[in-house]
Amino acid sequence: MNYERYLSDEEITVTSREYYTDSSGYQNEKAFWDFVKDIKEEDKMYLMCIDIDLSPSNAKGTGFGDLVMRTFFTKIRELFPIFRMRGTKFNLFVPEDEVNAIQEVVTSDSNSSYFTIHGHIVTDKFVSSENVKEVLAEGVKGMLGDRKDDDAVVGDTGNTPAMQQETPTKKYIAEMWFAEITFTETAPNPRTLKAYVYPTEYQKPMAMLHSIVVLDDMVQPRVYSGTVARIPIDGMRITVTARYDHDGHMIVSWVKSADTVGEIRGEIELHEGNSIPANYGKRIGSTKEIYPIKMNSQGLYEYALYDKKTQSVEYVTDGLIKGREKTYEVHRDSTVIQLVQI
């Protein structure tokens, strides 16, 4: 018996139907993301997000509820490409000239005594591979309305798409939230510095996030952490904070204390994740995470090592992470953080 094989990157051969169909027989989230990658705005397709409330039918038994949902899914699939994202939530693509048709179907089925449909179709823009994340966020928001997302995992965290789930050796950059601030100091010491800002948690809108901030002055990186990071730069006091706004976007801001002498400006480049992950950095063991900063002279990545239990952080320059029995190199590219055993 080898449980570790289910966590490995070993390649296996399956049919498209097996890969793109979940255990209940619905076209799955992987199929959705594969389908959308070929859609262009000129295809004139709208995205619709649907949540099916099965409370009335589930009261007769969950088996009956499953039958009701499957019947609805099969009916829609005959007309439109539809995908099950999770639970009772589905996404479907609707051609521009078929909007009335899908609305009629949804309206008629919403009168069923067995279930209620909550749906929203985004019609102010055509969906494409380029804007799908923006359109999807708008669709989900409209679908939920004032309702709570009961399928969200543990307090609105951990809703990472299946294809982007973290593995023991990989963390996908698409699921990470961070910012880079390029500071240009003009006085008293003209130079360029870079700050890397990584939130480590999710909080309600506009609440300050515990974050790791690494300031790289091209000589010796300095690491700070907390909900407010106070960074001294040549006598100036710089404060860096991070928040989520009410639309789910990250806000990173910096302020120079007015009573300090010096001239500095900063440009912020944000990277927003596709979801709220269970771990914001690359998980190491049960309590630690790593946040990559820059490549060292050996071609490995220096990183901040954060202990969630003690909320302590240290900066590691050799690009190695040591486990109980194994040692790994830390690598990072535009797609993943990857640990490679040596």
C-alpha atoms as a PDB file:
ATOM      1  CA  MET A   1       0.000   0.000   0.000  1.00  0.00           C
ATOM      2  CA  ASN A   2       1.372   3.413  -0.971  1.00  0.00           C
ATOM      3  CA  TYR A   3      -0.769   6.402  -0.022  1.00  0.00           C
ATOM      4  CA  GLU A   4       1.960   8.833  -1.103  1.00  0.00           C
ATOM      5  CA  ARG A   5       1.329   8.001  -4.782  1.00  0.00           C
ATOM      6  CA  TYR A   6      -1.982   9.888  -4.552  1.00  0.00           C
ATOM      7  CA  LEU A   7      -0.043  13.017  -3.595  1.00  0.00           C
ATOM      8  CA  SER A   8       2.670  12.584  -6.220  1.00  0.00           C
ATOM      9  CA  ASP A   9       3.075  14.050  -9.700  1.00  0.00           C
ATOM     10  CA  GLU A  10       3.164  10.598 -11.293  1.00  0.00           C
ATOM     11  CA  GLU A  11       1.535  10.623 -14.730  1.00  0.00           C
ATOM     12  CA  ILE A  12      -1.344   8.228 -15.411  1.00  0.00           C
ATOM     13  CA  THR A  13      -3.513   7.682 -18.485  1.00  0.00           C
ATOM     14  CA  VAL A  14      -7.261   8.318 -18.340  1.00  0.00           C
ATOM     15  CA  THR A  15      -9.905   9.162 -20.930  1.00  0.00           C
ATOM     16  CA  SER A  16     -11.129  12.733 -21.390  1.00  0.00           C
ATOM     17  CA  ARG A  17     -14.500  11.694 -20.035  1.00  0.00           C
ATOM     18  CA  GLU A  18     -12.927  10.317 -16.859  1.00  0.00           C
ATOM     19  CA  TYR A  19     -10.708  13.354 -16.366  1.00  0.00           C
ATOM     20  CA  TYR A  20     -13.357  15.984 -17.045  1.00  0.00           C
ATOM     21  CA  THR A  21     -16.247  14.282 -15.212  1.00  0.00           C
ATOM     22  CA  ASP A  22     -16.682  14.229 -11.446  1.00  0.00           C
ATOM     23  CA  SER A  23     -17.658  11.178  -9.417  1.00  0.00           C
ATOM     24  CA  SER A  24     -21.351  12.049  -9.757  1.00  0.00           C
ATOM     25  CA  GLY A  25     -21.234  12.245 -13.554  1.00  0.00           C
ATOM     26  CA  TYR A  26     -21.183  16.028 -13.997  1.00  0.00           C
ATOM     27  CA  GLN A  27     -18.697  17.859 -16.224  1.00  0.00           C
ATOM     28  CA  ASN A  28     -16.329  19.302 -13.642  1.00  0.00           C
ATOM     29  CA  GLU A  29     -14.334  22.419 -12.836  1.00  0.00           C
ATOM     30  CA  LYS A  30     -11.324  21.175 -14.809  1.00  0.00           C
ATOM     31  CA  ALA A  31     -13.592  20.926 -17.856  1.00  0.00           C
ATOM     32  CA  PHE A  32     -14.809  24.492 -17.281  1.00  0.00           C
ATOM     33  CA  TRP A  33     -11.294  25.932 -17.274  1.00  0.00           C
ATOM     34  CA  ASP A  34     -10.280  23.854 -20.280  1.00  0.00           C
ATOM     35  CA  PHE A  35     -13.387  24.949 -22.216  1.00  0.00           C
ATOM     36  CA  VAL A  36     -12.987  28.654 -21.469  1.00  0.00           C
ATOM     37  CA  LYS A  37      -9.367  28.844 -22.581  1.00  0.00           C
ATOM     38  CA  ASP A  38     -10.476  28.760 -26.226  1.00  0.00           C
ATOM     39  CA  ILE A  39     -13.301  31.323 -25.930  1.00  0.00           C
ATOM     40  CA  LYS A  40     -12.797  34.751 -27.494  1.00  0.00           C
ATOM     41  CA  GLU A  41     -14.944  37.863 -27.135  1.00  0.00           C
ATOM     42  CA  GLU A  42     -15.916  37.607 -30.794  1.00  0.00           C
ATOM     43  CA  ASP A  43     -17.629  34.294 -29.955  1.00  0.00           C
ATOM     44  CA  LYS A  44     -20.252  36.472 -28.200  1.00  0.00           C
ATOM     45  CA  MET A  45     -20.836  34.181 -25.235  1.00  0.00           C
ATOM     46  CA  TYR A  46     -22.189  35.204 -21.853  1.00  0.00           C
ATOM     47  CA  LEU A  47     -21.381  33.464 -18.568  1.00  0.00           C
ATOM     48  CA  MET A  48     -24.172  32.440 -16.225  1.00  0.00           C
ATOM     49  CA  CYS A  49     -23.682  31.274 -12.637  1.00  0.00           C
ATOM     50  CA  ILE A  50     -26.385  29.116 -11.030  1.00  0.00           C
ATOM     51  CA  ASP A  51     -26.945  27.816  -7.506  1.00  0.00           C
ATOM     52  CA  ILE A  52     -29.679  25.210  -6.995  1.00  0.00           C
ATOM     53  CA  ASP A  53     -31.398  25.171  -3.600  1.00  0.00           C
ATOM     54  CA  LEU A  54     -32.446  21.553  -3.125  1.00  0.00           C
ATOM     55  CA  SER A  55     -33.894  21.954   0.372  1.00  0.00           C
ATOM     56  CA  PRO A  56     -37.453  20.897  -0.599  1.00  0.00           C
ATOM     57  CA  SER A  57     -36.336  17.751  -2.432  1.00  0.00           C
ATOM     58  CA  ASN A  58     -33.635  16.869   0.100  1.00  0.00           C
ATOM     59  CA  ALA A  59     -36.376  16.851   2.713  1.00  0.00           C
ATOM     60  CA  LYS A  60     -37.675  13.758   0.919  1.00  0.00           C
ATOM     61  CA  GLY A  61     -34.200  12.240   0.991  1.00  0.00           C
ATOM     62  CA  THR A  62     -30.791  13.214  -0.406  1.00  0.00           C
ATOM     63  CA  GLY A  63     -31.121  10.527  -3.069  1.00  0.00           C
ATOM     64  CA  PHE A  64     -34.221  12.273  -4.357  1.00  0.00           C
ATOM     65  CA  GLY A  65     -32.364  15.597  -4.250  1.00  0.00           C
ATOM     66  CA  ASP A  66     -29.558  14.102  -6.349  1.00  0.00           C
ATOM     67  CA  LEU A  67     -32.104  12.880  -8.899  1.00  0.00           C
ATOM     68  CA  VAL A  68     -33.723  16.333  -9.124  1.00  0.00           C
ATOM     69  CA  MET A  69     -30.363  18.057  -9.661  1.00  0.00           C
ATOM     70  CA  ARG A  70     -29.254  15.503 -12.252  1.00  0.00           C
ATOM     71  CA  THR A  71     -32.525  15.928 -14.170  1.00  0.00           C
ATOM     72  CA  PHE A  72     -32.052  19.705 -14.242  1.00  0.00           C
ATOM     73  CA  PHE A  73     -28.397  19.372 -15.295  1.00  0.00           C
ATOM     74  CA  THR A  74     -29.234  16.971 -18.137  1.00  0.00           C
ATOM     75  CA  LYS A  75     -31.953  19.293 -19.400  1.00  0.00           C
ATOM     76  CA  ILE A  76     -29.590  22.268 -19.514  1.00  0.00           C
ATOM     77  CA  ARG A  77     -26.722  20.253 -21.025  1.00  0.00           C
ATOM     78  CA  GLU A  78     -28.862  19.492 -24.070  1.00  0.00           C
ATOM     79  CA  LEU A  79     -29.002  23.241 -24.747  1.00  0.00           C
ATOM     80  CA  PHE A  80     -25.850  24.860 -23.310  1.00  0.00           C
ATOM     81  CA  PRO A  81     -22.321  23.905 -22.142  1.00  0.00           C
ATOM     82  CA  ILE A  82     -22.720  23.545 -18.354  1.00  0.00           C
ATOM     83  CA  PHE A  83     -20.169  22.656 -15.679  1.00  0.00           C
ATOM     84  CA  ARG A  84     -20.448  21.780 -12.008  1.00  0.00           C
ATOM     85  CA  MET A  85     -18.033  23.931 -10.022  1.00  0.00           C
ATOM     86  CA  ARG A  86     -18.776  22.561  -6.550  1.00  0.00           C
ATOM     87  CA  GLY A  87     -21.768  21.417  -4.567  1.00  0.00           C
ATOM     88  CA  THR A  88     -24.937  22.771  -6.160  1.00  0.00           C
ATOM     89  CA  LYS A  89     -23.185  25.539  -8.080  1.00  0.00           C
ATOM     90  CA  PHE A  90     -22.887  25.451 -11.877  1.00  0.00           C
ATOM     91  CA  ASN A  91     -21.505  27.687 -14.619  1.00  0.00           C
ATOM     92  CA  LEU A  92     -22.838  27.701 -18.165  1.00  0.00           C
ATOM     93  CA  PHE A  93     -22.077  29.547 -21.372  1.00  0.00           C
ATOM     94  CA  VAL A  94     -24.930  31.236 -23.239  1.00  0.00           C
ATOM     95  CA  PRO A  95     -24.699  32.568 -26.818  1.00  0.00           C
ATOM     96  CA  GLU A  96     -25.852  36.172 -27.218  1.00  0.00           C
ATOM     97  CA  ASP A  97     -29.009  35.193 -29.115  1.00  0.00           C
ATOM     98  CA  GLU A  98     -29.985  32.530 -26.559  1.00  0.00           C
ATOM     99  CA  VAL A  99     -30.323  34.728 -23.478  1.00  0.00           C
ATOM    100  CA  ASN A 100     -34.112  34.696 -23.579  1.00  0.00           C
ATOM    101  CA  ALA A 101     -34.107  30.929 -23.961  1.00  0.00           C
ATOM    102  CA  ILE A 102     -32.019  30.264 -20.850  1.00  0.00           C
ATOM    103  CA  GLN A 103     -34.006  32.791 -18.840  1.00  0.00           C
ATOM    104  CA  GLU A 104     -37.226  31.032 -19.827  1.00  0.00           C
ATOM    105  CA  VAL A 105     -35.806  27.679 -18.783  1.00  0.00           C
ATOM    106  CA  VAL A 106     -34.575  29.004 -15.452  1.00  0.00           C
ATOM    107  CA  THR A 107     -37.805  30.895 -14.774  1.00  0.00           C
ATOM    108  CA  SER A 108     -39.980  27.883 -15.516  1.00  0.00           C
ATOM    109  CA  ASP A 109     -37.854  25.563 -13.407  1.00  0.00           C
ATOM    110  CA  SER A 110     -37.733  28.099 -10.565  1.00  0.00           C
ATOM    111  CA  ASN A 111     -41.446  27.478 -10.087  1.00  0.00           C
ATOM    112  CA  SER A 112     -40.737  23.854  -9.200  1.00  0.00           C
ATOM    113  CA  SER A 113     -41.836  22.711  -5.759  1.00  0.00           C
ATOM    114  CA  TYR A 114     -38.679  20.599  -5.530  1.00  0.00           C
ATOM    115  CA  PHE A 115     -35.982  23.249  -5.842  1.00  0.00           C
ATOM    116  CA  THR A 116     -35.224  26.950  -6.256  1.00  0.00           C
ATOM    117  CA  ILE A 117     -32.732  28.379  -8.728  1.00  0.00           C
ATOM    118  CA  HIS A 118     -30.576  31.393  -7.875  1.00  0.00           C
ATOM    119  CA  GLY A 119     -28.862  32.547 -11.046  1.00  0.00           C
ATOM    120  CA  HIS A 120     -27.130  35.529 -12.590  1.00  0.00           C
ATOM    121  CA  ILE A 121     -26.047  36.029 -16.189  1.00  0.00           C
ATOM    122  CA  VAL A 122     -23.362  38.634 -16.863  1.00  0.00           C
ATOM    123  CA  THR A 123     -24.558  40.511 -19.940  1.00  0.00           C
ATOM    124  CA  ASP A 124     -22.512  43.701 -19.787  1.00  0.00           C
ATOM    125  CA  LYS A 125     -19.545  41.958 -21.413  1.00  0.00           C
ATOM    126  CA  PHE A 126     -18.807  38.830 -23.438  1.00  0.00           C
ATOM    127  CA  VAL A 127     -16.736  36.269 -21.588  1.00  0.00           C
ATOM    128  CA  SER A 128     -13.333  35.240 -22.921  1.00  0.00           C
ATOM    129  CA  SER A 129     -10.196  33.495 -21.741  1.00  0.00           C
ATOM    130  CA  GLU A 130      -8.762  36.936 -21.004  1.00  0.00           C
ATOM    131  CA  ASN A 131     -11.516  38.264 -18.727  1.00  0.00           C
ATOM    132  CA  VAL A 132     -13.059  35.077 -17.318  1.00  0.00           C
ATOM    133  CA  LYS A 133     -11.859  35.673 -13.762  1.00  0.00           C
ATOM    134  CA  GLU A 134     -13.423  39.140 -13.683  1.00  0.00           C
ATOM    135  CA  VAL A 135     -16.665  37.917 -15.270  1.00  0.00           C
ATOM    136  CA  LEU A 136     -16.827  34.891 -12.978  1.00  0.00           C
ATOM    137  CA  ALA A 137     -16.445  37.065  -9.875  1.00  0.00           C
ATOM    138  CA  GLU A 138     -19.287  39.283 -11.100  1.00  0.00           C
ATOM    139  CA  GLY A 139     -21.454  36.262 -11.872  1.00  0.00           C
ATOM    140  CA  VAL A 140     -20.917  34.653  -8.477  1.00  0.00           C
ATOM    141  CA  LYS A 141     -21.607  37.934  -6.696  1.00  0.00           C
ATOM    142  CA  GLY A 142     -24.880  38.380  -8.605  1.00  0.00           C
ATOM    143  CA  MET A 143     -25.859  34.754  -8.041  1.00  0.00           C
ATOM    144  CA  LEU A 144     -25.348  34.968  -4.281  1.00  0.00           C
ATOM    145  CA  GLY A 145     -26.991  38.347  -3.799  1.00  0.00           C
ATOM    146  CA  ASP A 146     -27.379  38.809  -0.045  1.00  0.00           C
ATOM    147  CA  ARG A 147     -27.083  35.099   0.657  1.00  0.00           C
ATOM    148  CA  LYS A 148     -24.063  33.484   2.315  1.00  0.00           C
ATOM    149  CA  ASP A 149     -22.025  31.031   0.268  1.00  0.00           C
ATOM    150  CA  ASP A 150     -22.752  27.878   2.264  1.00  0.00           C
ATOM    151  CA  ASP A 151     -20.380  25.821   0.114  1.00  0.00           C
ATOM    152  CA  ALA A 152     -17.374  27.980   1.002  1.00  0.00           C
ATOM    153  CA  VAL A 153     -14.732  25.986   2.827  1.00  0.00           C
ATOM    154  CA  VAL A 154     -14.168  26.886   6.475  1.00  0.00           C
ATOM    155  CA  GLY A 155     -14.902  30.552   6.918  1.00  0.00           C
ATOM    156  CA  ASP A 156     -14.548  31.595   3.288  1.00  0.00           C
ATOM    157  CA  THR A 157     -11.056  30.157   3.021  1.00  0.00           C
ATOM    158  CA  GLY A 158      -9.683  27.219   1.146  1.00  0.00           C
ATOM    159  CA  ASN A 159     -11.799  27.480  -2.031  1.00  0.00           C
ATOM    160  CA  THR A 160      -8.904  26.804  -4.406  1.00  0.00           C
ATOM    161  CA  PRO A 161      -9.924  25.212  -7.747  1.00  0.00           C
ATOM    162  CA  ALA A 162      -9.102  21.508  -7.972  1.00  0.00           C
ATOM    163  CA  MET A 163      -6.499  21.952 -10.717  1.00  0.00           C
ATOM    164  CA  GLN A 164      -4.608  24.519  -8.639  1.00  0.00           C
ATOM    165  CA  GLN A 165      -4.582  22.692  -5.305  1.00  0.00           C
ATOM    166  CA  GLU A 166      -1.256  22.733  -3.508  1.00  0.00           C
ATOM    167  CA  THR A 167       0.769  19.505  -3.418  1.00  0.00           C
ATOM    168  CA  PRO A 168       3.620  18.543  -1.062  1.00  0.00           C
ATOM    169  CA  THR A 169       6.145  19.966  -3.540  1.00  0.00           C
ATOM    170  CA  LYS A 170       4.188  22.593  -5.530  1.00  0.00           C
ATOM    171  CA  LYS A 171       2.361  25.839  -4.865  1.00  0.00           C
ATOM    172  CA  TYR A 172       0.709  27.524  -7.845  1.00  0.00           C
ATOM    173  CA  ILE A 173       1.460  31.237  -8.240  1.00  0.00           C
ATOM    174  CA  ALA A 174      -2.060  31.784  -9.625  1.00  0.00           C
ATOM    175  CA  GLU A 175      -3.451  31.099  -6.131  1.00  0.00           C
ATOM    176  CA  MET A 176      -1.120  33.491  -4.293  1.00  0.00           C
ATOM    177  CA  TRP A 177      -1.729  37.073  -3.220  1.00  0.00           C
ATOM    178  CA  PHE A 178       1.173  39.499  -3.086  1.00  0.00           C
ATOM    179  CA  ALA A 179       2.456  42.888  -4.130  1.00  0.00           C
ATOM    180  CA  GLU A 180       5.775  44.384  -5.107  1.00  0.00           C
ATOM    181  CA  ILE A 181       6.489  48.011  -4.263  1.00  0.00           C
ATOM    182  CA  THR A 182       9.338  49.669  -6.141  1.00  0.00           C
ATOM    183  CA  PHE A 183      10.595  52.583  -4.059  1.00  0.00           C
ATOM    184  CA  THR A 184      12.638  55.342  -5.696  1.00  0.00           C
ATOM    185  CA  GLU A 185      14.462  57.416  -3.095  1.00  0.00           C
ATOM    186  CA  THR A 186      15.717  60.812  -4.254  1.00  0.00           C
ATOM    187  CA  ALA A 187      16.897  62.201  -0.899  1.00  0.00           C
ATOM    188  CA  PRO A 188      18.918  61.841   1.218  1.00  0.00           C
ATOM    189  CA  ASN A 189      20.335  58.747  -0.540  1.00  0.00           C
ATOM    190  CA  PRO A 190      19.244  58.406  -4.191  1.00  0.00           C
ATOM    191  CA  ARG A 191      18.615  54.715  -4.918  1.00  0.00           C
ATOM    192  CA  THR A 192      15.983  52.100  -5.764  1.00  0.00           C
ATOM    193  CA  LEU A 193      14.600  49.602  -3.277  1.00  0.00           C
ATOM    194  CA  LYS A 194      11.969  46.892  -3.585  1.00  0.00           C
ATOM    195  CA  ALA A 195       9.479  45.696  -0.981  1.00  0.00           C
ATOM    196  CA  TYR A 196       7.706  42.338  -1.283  1.00  0.00           C
ATOM    197  CA  VAL A 197       4.352  42.205   0.517  1.00  0.00           C
ATOM    198  CA  TYR A 198       2.695  38.866   1.279  1.00  0.00           C
ATOM    199  CA  PRO A 199      -0.544  38.649   3.296  1.00  0.00           C
ATOM    200  CA  THR A 200      -0.705  35.485   5.388  1.00  0.00           C
ATOM    201  CA  GLU A 201      -4.449  35.365   6.138  1.00  0.00           C
ATOM    202  CA  TYR A 202      -7.990  36.251   5.114  1.00  0.00           C
ATOM    203  CA  GLN A 203      -9.982  38.848   7.058  1.00  0.00           C
ATOM    204  CA  LYS A 204     -13.290  40.629   6.555  1.00  0.00           C
ATOM    205  CA  PRO A 205     -13.312  43.593   4.114  1.00  0.00           C
ATOM    206  CA  MET A 206     -11.142  46.558   5.107  1.00  0.00           C
ATOM    207  CA  ALA A 207      -9.629  44.774   8.119  1.00  0.00           C
ATOM    208  CA  MET A 208      -5.843  44.937   8.110  1.00  0.00           C
ATOM    209  CA  LEU A 209      -4.173  41.650   7.158  1.00  0.00           C
ATOM    210  CA  HIS A 210      -1.228  40.107   8.917  1.00  0.00           C
ATOM    211  CA  SER A 211       1.488  40.364   6.290  1.00  0.00           C
ATOM    212  CA  ILE A 212       5.137  39.622   5.697  1.00  0.00           C
ATOM    213  CA  VAL A 213       7.098  42.501   4.170  1.00  0.00           C
ATOM    214  CA  VAL A 214      10.628  42.019   2.897  1.00  0.00           C
ATOM    215  CA  LEU A 215      12.582  45.148   1.987  1.00  0.00           C
ATOM    216  CA  ASP A 216      15.420  44.486  -0.439  1.00  0.00           C
ATOM    217  CA  ASP A 217      17.932  47.325  -0.685  1.00  0.00           C
ATOM    218  CA  MET A 218      20.113  45.225  -3.018  1.00  0.00           C
ATOM    219  CA  VAL A 219      22.552  44.679  -0.129  1.00  0.00           C
ATOM    220  CA  GLN A 220      20.834  42.954   2.802  1.00  0.00           C
ATOM    221  CA  PRO A 221      17.092  42.082   2.750  1.00  0.00           C
ATOM    222  CA  ARG A 222      15.205  43.011   5.919  1.00  0.00           C
ATOM    223  CA  VAL A 223      12.023  41.227   6.952  1.00  0.00           C
ATOM    224  CA  TYR A 224       9.054  42.639   8.881  1.00  0.00           C
ATOM    225  CA  SER A 225       5.670  41.200   9.826  1.00  0.00           C
ATOM    226  CA  GLY A 226       2.392  42.206  11.439  1.00  0.00           C
ATOM    227  CA  THR A 227      -0.829  43.955  10.486  1.00  0.00           C
ATOM    228  CA  VAL A 228       1.226  47.151  10.209  1.00  0.00           C
ATOM    229  CA  ALA A 229       4.794  46.913   8.917  1.00  0.00           C
ATOM    230  CA  ARG A 230       6.920  49.910   9.932  1.00  0.00           C
ATOM    231  CA  ILE A 231      10.014  50.166   7.775  1.00  0.00           C
ATOM    232  CA  PRO A 232      12.868  52.631   8.371  1.00  0.00           C
ATOM    233  CA  ILE A 233      14.573  53.899   5.221  1.00  0.00           C
ATOM    234  CA  ASP A 234      17.398  56.402   5.729  1.00  0.00           C
ATOM    235  CA  GLY A 235      15.622  58.100   8.624  1.00  0.00           C
ATOM    236  CA  MET A 236      12.209  58.008   6.947  1.00  0.00           C
ATOM    237  CA  ARG A 237       9.396  55.972   8.536  1.00  0.00           C
ATOM    238  CA  ILE A 238       7.381  54.007   5.989  1.00  0.00           C
ATOM    239  CA  THR A 239       4.185  52.168   6.983  1.00  0.00           C
ATOM    240  CA  VAL A 240       2.883  49.317   4.787  1.00  0.00           C
ATOM    241  CA  THR A 241      -0.556  47.701   5.184  1.00  0.00           C
ATOM    242  CA  ALA A 242      -2.731  45.256   3.222  1.00  0.00           C
ATOM    243  CA  ARG A 243      -6.519  44.722   3.150  1.00  0.00           C
ATOM    244  CA  TYR A 244      -9.308  43.182   1.111  1.00  0.00           C
ATOM    245  CA  ASP A 245     -11.977  45.563  -0.148  1.00  0.00           C
ATOM    246  CA  HIS A 246     -15.708  44.782  -0.329  1.00  0.00           C
ATOM    247  CA  ASP A 247     -15.348  43.488  -3.901  1.00  0.00           C
ATOM    248  CA  GLY A 248     -12.741  40.916  -2.927  1.00  0.00           C
ATOM    249  CA  HIS A 249      -9.749  42.841  -4.310  1.00  0.00           C
ATOM    250  CA  MET A 250      -6.563  43.339  -2.344  1.00  0.00           C
ATOM    251  CA  ILE A 251      -5.450  46.831  -1.343  1.00  0.00           C
ATOM    252  CA  VAL A 252      -1.786  47.402  -0.496  1.00  0.00           C
ATOM    253  CA  SER A 253      -0.835  50.896   0.641  1.00  0.00           C
ATOM    254  CA  TRP A 254       2.216  52.672   1.969  1.00  0.00           C
ATOM    255  CA  VAL A 255       2.601  55.979   3.792  1.00  0.00           C
ATOM    256  CA  LYS A 256       5.651  58.036   4.674  1.00  0.00           C
ATOM    257  CA  SER A 257       5.431  59.686   8.068  1.00  0.00           C
ATOM    258  CA  ALA A 258       5.044  63.431   7.567  1.00  0.00           C
ATOM    259  CA  ASP A 259       7.460  64.319  10.355  1.00  0.00           C
ATOM    260  CA  THR A 260      10.431  62.564   8.752  1.00  0.00           C
ATOM    261  CA  VAL A 261      12.878  64.164   6.326  1.00  0.00           C
ATOM    262  CA  GLY A 262      13.497  62.599   2.926  1.00  0.00           C
ATOM    263  CA  GLU A 263      12.004  62.170  -0.524  1.00  0.00           C
ATOM    264  CA  ILE A 264      10.685  58.868  -1.793  1.00  0.00           C
ATOM    265  CA  ARG A 265       8.020  57.604  -4.167  1.00  0.00           C
ATOM    266  CA  GLY A 266       6.672  54.129  -4.745  1.00  0.00           C
ATOM    267  CA  GLU A 267       4.920  52.170  -7.460  1.00  0.00           C
ATOM    268  CA  ILE A 268       2.762  49.194  -6.450  1.00  0.00           C
ATOM    269  CA  GLU A 269       2.282  46.116  -8.627  1.00  0.00           C
ATOM    270  CA  LEU A 270      -0.442  43.776  -7.353  1.00  0.00           C
ATOM    271  CA  HIS A 271      -0.923  40.073  -7.970  1.00  0.00           C
ATOM    272  CA  GLU A 272      -4.349  38.787  -6.936  1.00  0.00           C
ATOM    273  CA  GLY A 273      -4.989  35.081  -6.477  1.00  0.00           C
ATOM    274  CA  ASN A 274      -7.784  33.153  -8.151  1.00  0.00           C
ATOM    275  CA  SER A 275      -9.243  32.162  -4.782  1.00  0.00           C
ATOM    276  CA  ILE A 276      -8.825  32.382  -1.033  1.00  0.00           C
ATOM    277  CA  PRO A 277      -6.348  29.580  -0.284  1.00  0.00           C
ATOM    278  CA  ALA A 278      -6.110  27.550   2.884  1.00  0.00           C
ATOM    279  CA  ASN A 279      -2.406  28.487   3.022  1.00  0.00           C
ATOM    280  CA  TYR A 280      -1.150  31.758   1.590  1.00  0.00           C
ATOM    281  CA  GLY A 281       2.441  30.584   1.239  1.00  0.00           C
ATOM    282  CA  LYS A 282       3.933  27.235   0.277  1.00  0.00           C
ATOM    283  CA  ARG A 283       3.051  25.010   3.210  1.00  0.00           C
ATOM    284  CA  ILE A 284       5.931  23.296   5.008  1.00  0.00           C
ATOM    285  CA  GLY A 285       4.802  20.798   7.635  1.00  0.00           C
ATOM    286  CA  SER A 286       1.795  21.708   9.743  1.00  0.00           C
ATOM    287  CA  THR A 287       2.636  25.257  10.860  1.00  0.00           C
ATOM    288  CA  LYS A 288       5.181  26.809   8.505  1.00  0.00           C
ATOM    289  CA  GLU A 289       5.003  28.495   5.102  1.00  0.00           C
ATOM    290  CA  ILE A 290       7.595  29.884   2.726  1.00  0.00           C
ATOM    291  CA  TYR A 291       7.295  33.032   0.628  1.00  0.00           C
ATOM    292  CA  PRO A 292       9.824  33.319  -2.236  1.00  0.00           C
ATOM    293  CA  ILE A 293      11.645  36.622  -2.666  1.00  0.00           C
ATOM    294  CA  LYS A 294      14.489  36.511  -5.198  1.00  0.00           C
ATOM    295  CA  MET A 295      16.972  34.194  -6.852  1.00  0.00           C
ATOM    296  CA  ASN A 296      20.373  33.869  -5.213  1.00  0.00           C
ATOM    297  CA  SER A 297      23.743  33.406  -6.889  1.00  0.00           C
ATOM    298  CA  GLN A 298      23.269  29.609  -6.929  1.00  0.00           C
ATOM    299  CA  GLY A 299      20.035  29.841  -8.910  1.00  0.00           C
ATOM    300  CA  LEU A 300      17.848  28.959  -5.888  1.00  0.00           C
ATOM    301  CA  TYR A 301      15.223  31.176  -4.301  1.00  0.00           C
ATOM    302  CA  GLU A 302      15.740  33.078  -1.096  1.00  0.00           C
ATOM    303  CA  TYR A 303      12.574  33.100   0.974  1.00  0.00           C
ATOM    304  CA  ALA A 304      10.818  34.262   4.110  1.00  0.00           C
ATOM    305  CA  LEU A 305      10.001  31.347   6.436  1.00  0.00           C
ATOM    306  CA  TYR A 306       6.855  32.048   8.452  1.00  0.00           C
ATOM    307  CA  ASP A 307       5.696  30.071  11.473  1.00  0.00           C
ATOM    308  CA  LYS A 308       1.920  30.492  11.784  1.00  0.00           C
ATOM    309  CA  LYS A 309       1.882  29.109  15.314  1.00  0.00           C
ATOM    310  CA  THR A 310       4.330  31.642  16.760  1.00  0.00           C
ATOM    311  CA  GLN A 311       3.852  34.295  14.043  1.00  0.00           C
ATOM    312  CA  SER A 312       7.634  34.532  13.786  1.00  0.00           C
ATOM    313  CA  VAL A 313       9.448  34.987  10.498  1.00  0.00           C
ATOM    314  CA  GLU A 314      13.038  34.580   9.356  1.00  0.00           C
ATOM    315  CA  TYR A 315      14.833  35.244   6.098  1.00  0.00           C
ATOM    316  CA  VAL A 316      16.636  32.298   4.468  1.00  0.00           C
ATOM    317  CA  THR A 317      19.267  33.080   1.848  1.00  0.00           C
ATOM    318  CA  ASP A 318      20.571  29.632   0.816  1.00  0.00           C
ATOM    319  CA  GLY A 319      17.379  28.560  -0.993  1.00  0.00           C
ATOM    320  CA  LEU A 320      17.191  25.245   0.863  1.00  0.00           C
ATOM    321  CA  ILE A 321      14.477  23.837   3.102  1.00  0.00           C
ATOM    322  CA  LYS A 322      15.345  20.986   5.434  1.00  0.00           C
ATOM    323  CA  GLY A 323      12.739  18.421   6.460  1.00  0.00           C
ATOM    324  CA  ARG A 324      13.077  15.673   9.033  1.00  0.00           C
ATOM    325  CA  GLU A 325      14.792  13.354   6.594  1.00  0.00           C
ATOM    326  CA  LYS A 326      15.079  15.195   3.272  1.00  0.00           C
ATOM    327  CA  THR A 327      16.439  18.479   1.975  1.00  0.00           C
ATOM    328  CA  TYR A 328      14.831  20.407  -0.869  1.00  0.00           C
ATOM    329  CA  GLU A 329      15.884  23.191  -3.193  1.00  0.00           C
ATOM    330  CA  VAL A 330      13.394  26.063  -3.507  1.00  0.00           C
ATOM    331  CA  HIS A 331      12.613  27.091  -7.077  1.00  0.00           C
ATOM    332  CA  ARG A 332      10.092  29.573  -8.439  1.00  0.00           C
ATOM    333  CA  ASP A 333       8.957  30.573 -11.912  1.00  0.00           C
ATOM    334  CA  SER A 334       5.877  32.328 -13.292  1.00  0.00           C
ATOM    335  CA  THR A 335       3.742  29.229 -12.665  1.00  0.00           C
ATOM    336  CA  VAL A 336       4.788  27.478  -9.457  1.00  0.00           C
ATOM    337  CA  ILE A 337       6.911  27.421  -6.360  1.00  0.00           C
ATOM    338  CA  GLN A 338       8.495  23.982  -6.530  1.00  0.00           C
ATOM    339  CA  LEU A 339      10.526  22.053  -3.993  1.00  0.00           C
ATOM    340  CA  VAL A 340      13.075  19.714  -5.576  1.00  0.00           C
ATOM    341  CA  GLN A 341      14.612  16.995  -3.423  1.00  0.00           C
ATOM    342  CA  ILE A 342      18.384  16.759  -3.372  1.00  0.00           C
END
